[in-house]
């Protein structure tokens, strides 16, 4: 079986979906037909390149990516809690 070759632009777009848009590696893998391990490798290489080119004193791109991921998780949790509260208020409003 031939090893699949991807253009630099394709790799950049895949990494953008993961880092900028917040799409999970699993989802990008399904959408683009690229193995998850390959996507993790591209993401790491991209972060390493950003790290090497980051200005002195700037927050590390890896740290920013980690913080971004954490904030997305917190936002998702807050949205779930908000939906639960809306349903609870609706339930008690109907019973009154």
PDB file of N, CA and C in Angstrom:
ATOM      1  N   UNK A   1       0.849  -1.189   0.000  1.00  0.00           N
ATOM      2  CA  UNK A   1       0.000   0.000   0.000  1.00  0.00           C
ATOM      3  C   UNK A   1       0.888   1.243   0.000  1.00  0.00           C
ATOM      4  N   UNK A   2       0.565   2.202  -0.863  1.00  0.00           N
ATOM      5  CA  UNK A   2       1.337   3.429  -0.971  1.00  0.00           C
ATOM      6  C   UNK A   2       1.079   4.345   0.216  1.00  0.00           C
ATOM      7  N   UNK A   3       2.147   4.990   0.655  1.00  0.00           N
ATOM      8  CA  UNK A   3       2.012   5.954   1.741  1.00  0.00           C
ATOM      9  C   UNK A   3       1.417   7.248   1.178  1.00  0.00           C
ATOM     10  N   UNK A   4       0.382   7.745   1.819  1.00  0.00           N
ATOM     11  CA  UNK A   4      -0.313   8.954   1.372  1.00  0.00           C
ATOM     12  C   UNK A   4       0.576  10.175   1.576  1.00  0.00           C
ATOM     13  N   UNK A   5       0.637  11.038   0.585  1.00  0.00           N
ATOM     14  CA  UNK A   5       1.371  12.299   0.670  1.00  0.00           C
ATOM     15  C   UNK A   5       0.363  13.442   0.778  1.00  0.00           C
ATOM     16  N   UNK A   6       0.669  14.399   1.627  1.00  0.00           N
ATOM     17  CA  UNK A   6      -0.215  15.542   1.823  1.00  0.00           C
ATOM     18  C   UNK A   6       0.570  16.821   1.551  1.00  0.00           C
ATOM     19  N   UNK A   7      -0.091  17.806   0.979  1.00  0.00           N
ATOM     20  CA  UNK A   7       0.569  19.086   0.715  1.00  0.00           C
ATOM     21  C   UNK A   7       0.730  19.857   2.026  1.00  0.00           C
ATOM     22  N   UNK A   8       1.642  20.817   2.011  1.00  0.00           N
ATOM     23  CA  UNK A   8       1.856  21.661   3.190  1.00  0.00           C
ATOM     24  C   UNK A   8       0.584  22.437   3.525  1.00  0.00           C
ATOM     25  N   UNK A   9      -0.133  22.876   2.497  1.00  0.00           N
ATOM     26  CA  UNK A   9      -1.369  23.632   2.713  1.00  0.00           C
ATOM     27  C   UNK A   9      -2.429  22.761   3.385  1.00  0.00           C
ATOM     28  N   UNK A  10      -2.523  21.509   2.944  1.00  0.00           N
ATOM     29  CA  UNK A  10      -3.484  20.575   3.537  1.00  0.00           C
ATOM     30  C   UNK A  10      -3.168  20.373   5.019  1.00  0.00           C
ATOM     31  N   UNK A  11      -1.884  20.184   5.325  1.00  0.00           N
ATOM     32  CA  UNK A  11      -1.463  19.985   6.717  1.00  0.00           C
ATOM     33  C   UNK A  11      -1.802  21.212   7.560  1.00  0.00           C
ATOM     34  N   UNK A  12      -1.524  22.407   7.006  1.00  0.00           N
ATOM     35  CA  UNK A  12      -1.813  23.643   7.738  1.00  0.00           C
ATOM     36  C   UNK A  12      -3.304  23.786   8.020  1.00  0.00           C
ATOM     37  N   UNK A  13      -4.124  23.472   7.050  1.00  0.00           N
ATOM     38  CA  UNK A  13      -5.574  23.570   7.240  1.00  0.00           C
ATOM     39  C   UNK A  13      -6.065  22.574   8.288  1.00  0.00           C
ATOM     40  N   UNK A  14      -5.502  21.371   8.274  1.00  0.00           N
ATOM     41  CA  UNK A  14      -5.887  20.361   9.260  1.00  0.00           C
ATOM     42  C   UNK A  14      -5.512  20.826  10.664  1.00  0.00           C
ATOM     43  N   UNK A  15      -4.306  21.361  10.807  1.00  0.00           N
ATOM     44  CA  UNK A  15      -3.849  21.852  12.112  1.00  0.00           C
ATOM     45  C   UNK A  15      -4.691  23.049  12.544  1.00  0.00           C
ATOM     46  N   UNK A  16      -5.067  23.903  11.600  1.00  0.00           N
ATOM     47  CA  UNK A  16      -5.919  25.061  11.911  1.00  0.00           C
ATOM     48  C   UNK A  16      -7.263  24.600  12.470  1.00  0.00           C
ATOM     49  N   UNK A  17      -7.833  23.559  11.873  1.00  0.00           N
ATOM     50  CA  UNK A  17      -9.102  23.033  12.377  1.00  0.00           C
ATOM     51  C   UNK A  17      -8.974  22.609  13.837  1.00  0.00           C
ATOM     52  N   UNK A  18      -7.827  22.033  14.178  1.00  0.00           N
ATOM     53  CA  UNK A  18      -7.614  21.537  15.538  1.00  0.00           C
ATOM     54  C   UNK A  18      -7.322  22.683  16.504  1.00  0.00           C
ATOM     55  N   UNK A  19      -6.343  23.522  16.158  1.00  0.00           N
ATOM     56  CA  UNK A  19      -5.877  24.545  17.098  1.00  0.00           C
ATOM     57  C   UNK A  19      -6.744  25.801  17.123  1.00  0.00           C
ATOM     58  N   UNK A  20      -7.186  26.254  15.988  1.00  0.00           N
ATOM     59  CA  UNK A  20      -7.931  27.515  15.927  1.00  0.00           C
ATOM     60  C   UNK A  20      -9.431  27.284  16.099  1.00  0.00           C
ATOM     61  N   UNK A  21      -9.964  26.348  15.332  1.00  0.00           N
ATOM     62  CA  UNK A  21     -11.408  26.111  15.366  1.00  0.00           C
ATOM     63  C   UNK A  21     -11.840  25.254  16.545  1.00  0.00           C
ATOM     64  N   UNK A  22     -10.881  24.546  17.168  1.00  0.00           N
ATOM     65  CA  UNK A  22     -11.205  23.731  18.337  1.00  0.00           C
ATOM     66  C   UNK A  22     -11.852  22.397  18.011  1.00  0.00           C
ATOM     67  N   UNK A  23     -11.765  21.971  16.764  1.00  0.00           N
ATOM     68  CA  UNK A  23     -12.315  20.670  16.381  1.00  0.00           C
ATOM     69  C   UNK A  23     -11.404  19.585  16.936  1.00  0.00           C
ATOM     70  N   UNK A  24     -11.987  18.521  17.456  1.00  0.00           N
ATOM     71  CA  UNK A  24     -11.174  17.454  18.037  1.00  0.00           C
ATOM     72  C   UNK A  24     -10.377  16.743  16.957  1.00  0.00           C
ATOM     73  N   UNK A  25      -9.252  16.167  17.359  1.00  0.00           N
ATOM     74  CA  UNK A  25      -8.415  15.414  16.431  1.00  0.00           C
ATOM     75  C   UNK A  25      -9.217  14.260  15.840  1.00  0.00           C
ATOM     76  N   UNK A  26     -10.020  13.633  16.675  1.00  0.00           N
ATOM     77  CA  UNK A  26     -10.840  12.510  16.213  1.00  0.00           C
ATOM     78  C   UNK A  26     -11.791  12.950  15.104  1.00  0.00           C
ATOM     79  N   UNK A  27     -12.433  14.096  15.291  1.00  0.00           N
ATOM     80  CA  UNK A  27     -13.382  14.606  14.298  1.00  0.00           C
ATOM     81  C   UNK A  27     -12.670  15.004  13.005  1.00  0.00           C
ATOM     82  N   UNK A  28     -11.528  15.687  13.128  1.00  0.00           N
ATOM     83  CA  UNK A  28     -10.766  16.077  11.937  1.00  0.00           C
ATOM     84  C   UNK A  28     -10.307  14.831  11.186  1.00  0.00           C
ATOM     85  N   UNK A  29      -9.915  13.810  11.932  1.00  0.00           N
ATOM     86  CA  UNK A  29      -9.498  12.547  11.324  1.00  0.00           C
ATOM     87  C   UNK A  29     -10.624  11.956  10.479  1.00  0.00           C
ATOM     88  N   UNK A  30     -11.826  11.967  11.033  1.00  0.00           N
ATOM     89  CA  UNK A  30     -12.987  11.446  10.295  1.00  0.00           C
ATOM     90  C   UNK A  30     -13.294  12.303   9.067  1.00  0.00           C
ATOM     91  N   UNK A  31     -13.265  13.621   9.241  1.00  0.00           N
ATOM     92  CA  UNK A  31     -13.609  14.538   8.154  1.00  0.00           C
ATOM     93  C   UNK A  31     -12.633  14.449   6.988  1.00  0.00           C
ATOM     94  N   UNK A  32     -11.338  14.372   7.312  1.00  0.00           N
ATOM     95  CA  UNK A  32     -10.317  14.438   6.270  1.00  0.00           C
ATOM     96  C   UNK A  32      -9.768  13.078   5.853  1.00  0.00           C
ATOM     97  N   UNK A  33     -10.081  12.047   6.615  1.00  0.00           N
ATOM     98  CA  UNK A  33      -9.569  10.726   6.284  1.00  0.00           C
ATOM     99  C   UNK A  33      -8.084  10.571   6.564  1.00  0.00           C
ATOM    100  N   UNK A  34      -7.601  11.290   7.570  1.00  0.00           N
ATOM    101  CA  UNK A  34      -6.193  11.229   7.961  1.00  0.00           C
ATOM    102  C   UNK A  34      -6.119  10.536   9.316  1.00  0.00           C
ATOM    103  N   UNK A  35      -5.197   9.588   9.493  1.00  0.00           N
ATOM    104  CA  UNK A  35      -5.086   8.915  10.791  1.00  0.00           C
ATOM    105  C   UNK A  35      -4.824   9.906  11.933  1.00  0.00           C
ATOM    106  N   UNK A  36      -5.396   9.611  13.090  1.00  0.00           N
ATOM    107  CA  UNK A  36      -5.244  10.504  14.246  1.00  0.00           C
ATOM    108  C   UNK A  36      -3.780  10.718  14.602  1.00  0.00           C
ATOM    109  N   UNK A  37      -2.988   9.658  14.568  1.00  0.00           N
ATOM    110  CA  UNK A  37      -1.566   9.769  14.906  1.00  0.00           C
ATOM    111  C   UNK A  37      -0.834  10.753  14.013  1.00  0.00           C
ATOM    112  N   UNK A  38      -1.198  10.780  12.744  1.00  0.00           N
ATOM    113  CA  UNK A  38      -0.590  11.718  11.797  1.00  0.00           C
ATOM    114  C   UNK A  38      -0.981  13.145  12.170  1.00  0.00           C
ATOM    115  N   UNK A  39      -2.240  13.349  12.518  1.00  0.00           N
ATOM    116  CA  UNK A  39      -2.703  14.688  12.913  1.00  0.00           C
ATOM    117  C   UNK A  39      -2.005  15.172  14.180  1.00  0.00           C
ATOM    118  N   UNK A  40      -1.841  14.277  15.158  1.00  0.00           N
ATOM    119  CA  UNK A  40      -1.122  14.654  16.376  1.00  0.00           C
ATOM    120  C   UNK A  40       0.312  15.057  16.044  1.00  0.00           C
ATOM    121  N   UNK A  41       0.925  14.336  15.128  1.00  0.00           N
ATOM    122  CA  UNK A  41       2.291  14.644  14.708  1.00  0.00           C
ATOM    123  C   UNK A  41       2.363  16.011  14.035  1.00  0.00           C
ATOM    124  N   UNK A  42       1.427  16.303  13.133  1.00  0.00           N
ATOM    125  CA  UNK A  42       1.397  17.605  12.467  1.00  0.00           C
ATOM    126  C   UNK A  42       1.180  18.727  13.466  1.00  0.00           C
ATOM    127  N   UNK A  43       0.271  18.504  14.413  1.00  0.00           N
ATOM    128  CA  UNK A  43      -0.018  19.528  15.422  1.00  0.00           C
ATOM    129  C   UNK A  43       1.229  19.817  16.251  1.00  0.00           C
ATOM    130  N   UNK A  44       1.909  18.759  16.679  1.00  0.00           N
ATOM    131  CA  UNK A  44       3.108  18.928  17.497  1.00  0.00           C
ATOM    132  C   UNK A  44       4.202  19.656  16.721  1.00  0.00           C
ATOM    133  N   UNK A  45       4.393  19.280  15.466  1.00  0.00           N
ATOM    134  CA  UNK A  45       5.409  19.931  14.638  1.00  0.00           C
ATOM    135  C   UNK A  45       5.083  21.414  14.479  1.00  0.00           C
ATOM    136  N   UNK A  46       3.824  21.731  14.244  1.00  0.00           N
ATOM    137  CA  UNK A  46       3.398  23.126  14.096  1.00  0.00           C
ATOM    138  C   UNK A  46       3.659  23.915  15.382  1.00  0.00           C
ATOM    139  N   UNK A  47       3.309  23.331  16.519  1.00  0.00           N
ATOM    140  CA  UNK A  47       3.544  24.010  17.799  1.00  0.00           C
ATOM    141  C   UNK A  47       5.034  24.193  18.059  1.00  0.00           C
ATOM    142  N   UNK A  48       5.838  23.197  17.701  1.00  0.00           N
ATOM    143  CA  UNK A  48       7.292  23.313  17.867  1.00  0.00           C
ATOM    144  C   UNK A  48       7.851  24.447  17.014  1.00  0.00           C
ATOM    145  N   UNK A  49       7.351  24.575  15.777  1.00  0.00           N
ATOM    146  CA  UNK A  49       7.799  25.660  14.898  1.00  0.00           C
ATOM    147  C   UNK A  49       7.392  27.019  15.455  1.00  0.00           C
ATOM    148  N   UNK A  50       6.177  27.118  15.955  1.00  0.00           N
ATOM    149  CA  UNK A  50       5.731  28.376  16.563  1.00  0.00           C
ATOM    150  C   UNK A  50       6.581  28.724  17.777  1.00  0.00           C
ATOM    151  N   UNK A  51       6.884  27.702  18.566  1.00  0.00           N
ATOM    152  CA  UNK A  51       7.700  27.888  19.769  1.00  0.00           C
ATOM    153  C   UNK A  51       9.075  28.445  19.398  1.00  0.00           C
ATOM    154  N   UNK A  52       9.675  27.881  18.359  1.00  0.00           N
ATOM    155  CA  UNK A  52      11.007  28.302  17.935  1.00  0.00           C
ATOM    156  C   UNK A  52      11.004  29.738  17.415  1.00  0.00           C
ATOM    157  N   UNK A  53       9.900  30.164  16.821  1.00  0.00           N
ATOM    158  CA  UNK A  53       9.819  31.502  16.233  1.00  0.00           C
ATOM    159  C   UNK A  53       9.143  32.531  17.138  1.00  0.00           C
ATOM    160  N   UNK A  54       8.744  32.130  18.331  1.00  0.00           N
ATOM    161  CA  UNK A  54       8.051  33.043  19.247  1.00  0.00           C
ATOM    162  C   UNK A  54       9.013  34.110  19.760  1.00  0.00           C
ATOM    163  N   UNK A  55       8.528  35.339  19.888  1.00  0.00           N
ATOM    164  CA  UNK A  55       9.379  36.400  20.428  1.00  0.00           C
ATOM    165  C   UNK A  55       9.713  36.140  21.899  1.00  0.00           C
ATOM    166  N   UNK A  56      10.843  36.663  22.326  1.00  0.00           N
ATOM    167  CA  UNK A  56      11.275  36.517  23.723  1.00  0.00           C
ATOM    168  C   UNK A  56      10.235  37.127  24.642  1.00  0.00           C
ATOM    169  N   UNK A  57       9.934  36.429  25.715  1.00  0.00           N
ATOM    170  CA  UNK A  57       9.001  36.926  26.717  1.00  0.00           C
ATOM    171  C   UNK A  57       7.539  36.662  26.398  1.00  0.00           C
ATOM    172  N   UNK A  58       7.248  36.223  25.190  1.00  0.00           N
ATOM    173  CA  UNK A  58       5.857  35.920  24.827  1.00  0.00           C
ATOM    174  C   UNK A  58       5.463  34.572  25.418  1.00  0.00           C
ATOM    175  N   UNK A  59       4.178  34.424  25.686  1.00  0.00           N
ATOM    176  CA  UNK A  59       3.698  33.146  26.209  1.00  0.00           C
ATOM    177  C   UNK A  59       3.875  32.080  25.137  1.00  0.00           C
ATOM    178  N   UNK A  60       4.301  30.909  25.553  1.00  0.00           N
ATOM    179  CA  UNK A  60       4.577  29.817  24.628  1.00  0.00           C
ATOM    180  C   UNK A  60       3.324  29.385  23.877  1.00  0.00           C
ATOM    181  N   UNK A  61       3.449  29.112  22.569  1.00  0.00           N
ATOM    182  CA  UNK A  61       2.298  28.623  21.799  1.00  0.00           C
ATOM    183  C   UNK A  61       1.723  27.326  22.367  1.00  0.00           C
ATOM    184  N   UNK A  62       2.580  26.474  22.909  1.00  0.00           N
ATOM    185  CA  UNK A  62       2.094  25.228  23.514  1.00  0.00           C
ATOM    186  C   UNK A  62       1.230  25.533  24.731  1.00  0.00           C
ATOM    187  N   UNK A  63       1.686  26.493  25.539  1.00  0.00           N
ATOM    188  CA  UNK A  63       0.917  26.877  26.725  1.00  0.00           C
ATOM    189  C   UNK A  63      -0.412  27.512  26.311  1.00  0.00           C
ATOM    190  N   UNK A  64      -0.376  28.327  25.268  1.00  0.00           N
ATOM    191  CA  UNK A  64      -1.611  28.947  24.776  1.00  0.00           C
ATOM    192  C   UNK A  64      -2.583  27.899  24.247  1.00  0.00           C
ATOM    193  N   UNK A  65      -2.066  26.907  23.530  1.00  0.00           N
ATOM    194  CA  UNK A  65      -2.927  25.838  23.006  1.00  0.00           C
ATOM    195  C   UNK A  65      -3.544  25.043  24.149  1.00  0.00           C
ATOM    196  N   UNK A  66      -2.743  24.776  25.180  1.00  0.00           N
ATOM    197  CA  UNK A  66      -3.246  24.032  26.338  1.00  0.00           C
ATOM    198  C   UNK A  66      -4.321  24.843  27.066  1.00  0.00           C
ATOM    199  N   UNK A  67      -4.054  26.132  27.253  1.00  0.00           N
ATOM    200  CA  UNK A  67      -5.028  27.004  27.914  1.00  0.00           C
ATOM    201  C   UNK A  67      -6.315  27.098  27.088  1.00  0.00           C
ATOM    202  N   UNK A  68      -6.171  27.201  25.775  1.00  0.00           N
ATOM    203  CA  UNK A  68      -7.329  27.264  24.885  1.00  0.00           C
ATOM    204  C   UNK A  68      -8.177  26.005  25.015  1.00  0.00           C
ATOM    205  N   UNK A  69      -7.531  24.856  25.044  1.00  0.00           N
ATOM    206  CA  UNK A  69      -8.245  23.587  25.190  1.00  0.00           C
ATOM    207  C   UNK A  69      -8.989  23.534  26.522  1.00  0.00           C
ATOM    208  N   UNK A  70      -8.332  23.982  27.593  1.00  0.00           N
ATOM    209  CA  UNK A  70      -8.949  23.987  28.913  1.00  0.00           C
ATOM    210  C   UNK A  70     -10.156  24.927  28.950  1.00  0.00           C
ATOM    211  N   UNK A  71     -10.014  26.098  28.351  1.00  0.00           N
ATOM    212  CA  UNK A  71     -11.121  27.055  28.327  1.00  0.00           C
ATOM    213  C   UNK A  71     -12.304  26.532  27.520  1.00  0.00           C
ATOM    214  N   UNK A  72     -12.029  25.824  26.443  1.00  0.00           N
ATOM    215  CA  UNK A  72     -13.115  25.230  25.652  1.00  0.00           C
ATOM    216  C   UNK A  72     -13.875  24.190  26.474  1.00  0.00           C
ATOM    217  N   UNK A  73     -13.138  23.403  27.259  1.00  0.00           N
ATOM    218  CA  UNK A  73     -13.776  22.398  28.115  1.00  0.00           C
ATOM    219  C   UNK A  73     -14.646  23.074  29.170  1.00  0.00           C
ATOM    220  N   UNK A  74     -14.113  24.138  29.773  1.00  0.00           N
ATOM    221  CA  UNK A  74     -14.873  24.866  30.785  1.00  0.00           C
ATOM    222  C   UNK A  74     -16.132  25.492  30.178  1.00  0.00           C
ATOM    223  N   UNK A  75     -16.014  26.030  28.976  1.00  0.00           N
ATOM    224  CA  UNK A  75     -17.168  26.623  28.302  1.00  0.00           C
ATOM    225  C   UNK A  75     -18.227  25.566  28.011  1.00  0.00           C
ATOM    226  N   UNK A  76     -17.805  24.409  27.548  1.00  0.00           N
ATOM    227  CA  UNK A  76     -18.754  23.324  27.264  1.00  0.00           C
ATOM    228  C   UNK A  76     -19.476  22.901  28.539  1.00  0.00           C
ATOM    229  N   UNK A  77     -18.738  22.820  29.643  1.00  0.00           N
ATOM    230  CA  UNK A  77     -19.341  22.443  30.924  1.00  0.00           C
ATOM    231  C   UNK A  77     -20.346  23.506  31.370  1.00  0.00           C
ATOM    232  N   UNK A  78     -19.979  24.775  31.227  1.00  0.00           N
ATOM    233  CA  UNK A  78     -20.878  25.863  31.618  1.00  0.00           C
ATOM    234  C   UNK A  78     -22.151  25.850  30.767  1.00  0.00           C
ATOM    235  N   UNK A  79     -22.000  25.549  29.491  1.00  0.00           N
ATOM    236  CA  UNK A  79     -23.181  25.475  28.618  1.00  0.00           C
ATOM    237  C   UNK A  79     -24.098  24.331  29.028  1.00  0.00           C
ATOM    238  N   UNK A  80     -23.504  23.184  29.381  1.00  0.00           N
ATOM    239  CA  UNK A  80     -24.322  22.051  29.841  1.00  0.00           C
ATOM    240  C   UNK A  80     -25.069  22.416  31.118  1.00  0.00           C
ATOM    241  N   UNK A  81     -24.382  23.073  32.043  1.00  0.00           N
ATOM    242  CA  UNK A  81     -25.013  23.484  33.298  1.00  0.00           C
ATOM    243  C   UNK A  81     -26.137  24.480  33.026  1.00  0.00           C
ATOM    244  N   UNK A  82     -25.918  25.392  32.106  1.00  0.00           N
ATOM    245  CA  UNK A  82     -26.933  26.372  31.743  1.00  0.00           C
ATOM    246  C   UNK A  82     -28.179  25.681  31.195  1.00  0.00           C
ATOM    247  N   UNK A  83     -27.996  24.682  30.349  1.00  0.00           N
ATOM    248  CA  UNK A  83     -29.133  23.936  29.801  1.00  0.00           C
ATOM    249  C   UNK A  83     -29.896  23.210  30.908  1.00  0.00           C
ATOM    250  N   UNK A  84     -29.168  22.622  31.840  1.00  0.00           N
ATOM    251  CA  UNK A  84     -29.809  21.923  32.964  1.00  0.00           C
ATOM    252  C   UNK A  84     -30.630  22.906  33.791  1.00  0.00           C
ATOM    253  N   UNK A  85     -30.052  24.077  34.069  1.00  0.00           N
ATOM    254  CA  UNK A  85     -30.769  25.089  34.850  1.00  0.00           C
ATOM    255  C   UNK A  85     -32.018  25.584  34.121  1.00  0.00           C
ATOM    256  N   UNK A  86     -31.913  25.774  32.803  1.00  0.00           N
ATOM    257  CA  UNK A  86     -33.084  26.204  32.031  1.00  0.00           C
ATOM    258  C   UNK A  86     -34.200  25.171  32.120  1.00  0.00           C
ATOM    259  N   UNK A  87     -33.847  23.901  31.998  1.00  0.00           N
ATOM    260  CA  UNK A  87     -34.844  22.833  32.071  1.00  0.00           C
ATOM    261  C   UNK A  87     -35.457  22.752  33.463  1.00  0.00           C
ATOM    262  N   UNK A  88     -34.631  22.950  34.487  1.00  0.00           N
ATOM    263  CA  UNK A  88     -35.115  22.901  35.863  1.00  0.00           C
ATOM    264  C   UNK A  88     -36.092  24.042  36.125  1.00  0.00           C
ATOM    265  N   UNK A  89     -35.744  25.244  35.693  1.00  0.00           N
ATOM    266  CA  UNK A  89     -36.626  26.398  35.869  1.00  0.00           C
ATOM    267  C   UNK A  89     -37.934  26.162  35.118  1.00  0.00           C
ATOM    268  N   UNK A  90     -37.849  25.635  33.915  1.00  0.00           N
ATOM    269  CA  UNK A  90     -39.047  25.342  33.134  1.00  0.00           C
ATOM    270  C   UNK A  90     -39.929  24.321  33.819  1.00  0.00           C
ATOM    271  N   UNK A  91     -39.329  23.311  34.405  1.00  0.00           N
ATOM    272  CA  UNK A  91     -40.069  22.258  35.099  1.00  0.00           C
ATOM    273  C   UNK A  91     -40.828  22.824  36.290  1.00  0.00           C
ATOM    274  N   UNK A  92     -40.135  23.635  37.102  1.00  0.00           N
ATOM    275  CA  UNK A  92     -40.781  24.186  38.288  1.00  0.00           C
ATOM    276  C   UNK A  92     -41.783  25.279  37.931  1.00  0.00           C
ATOM    277  N   UNK A  93     -41.580  25.970  36.828  1.00  0.00           N
ATOM    278  CA  UNK A  93     -42.533  26.995  36.390  1.00  0.00           C
ATOM    279  C   UNK A  93     -43.845  26.363  35.959  1.00  0.00           C
ATOM    280  N   UNK A  94     -43.763  25.199  35.317  1.00  0.00           N
ATOM    281  CA  UNK A  94     -44.968  24.507  34.870  1.00  0.00           C
ATOM    282  C   UNK A  94     -45.765  23.967  36.050  1.00  0.00           C
ATOM    283  N   UNK A  95     -45.078  23.566  37.099  1.00  0.00           N
ATOM    284  CA  UNK A  95     -45.736  22.982  38.266  1.00  0.00           C
ATOM    285  C   UNK A  95     -46.387  24.015  39.164  1.00  0.00           C
ATOM    286  N   UNK A  96     -46.051  25.265  39.014  1.00  0.00           N
ATOM    287  CA  UNK A  96     -46.574  26.314  39.896  1.00  0.00           C
ATOM    288  C   UNK A  96     -47.950  26.752  39.528  1.00  0.00           C
TER     289      UNK A  96
END
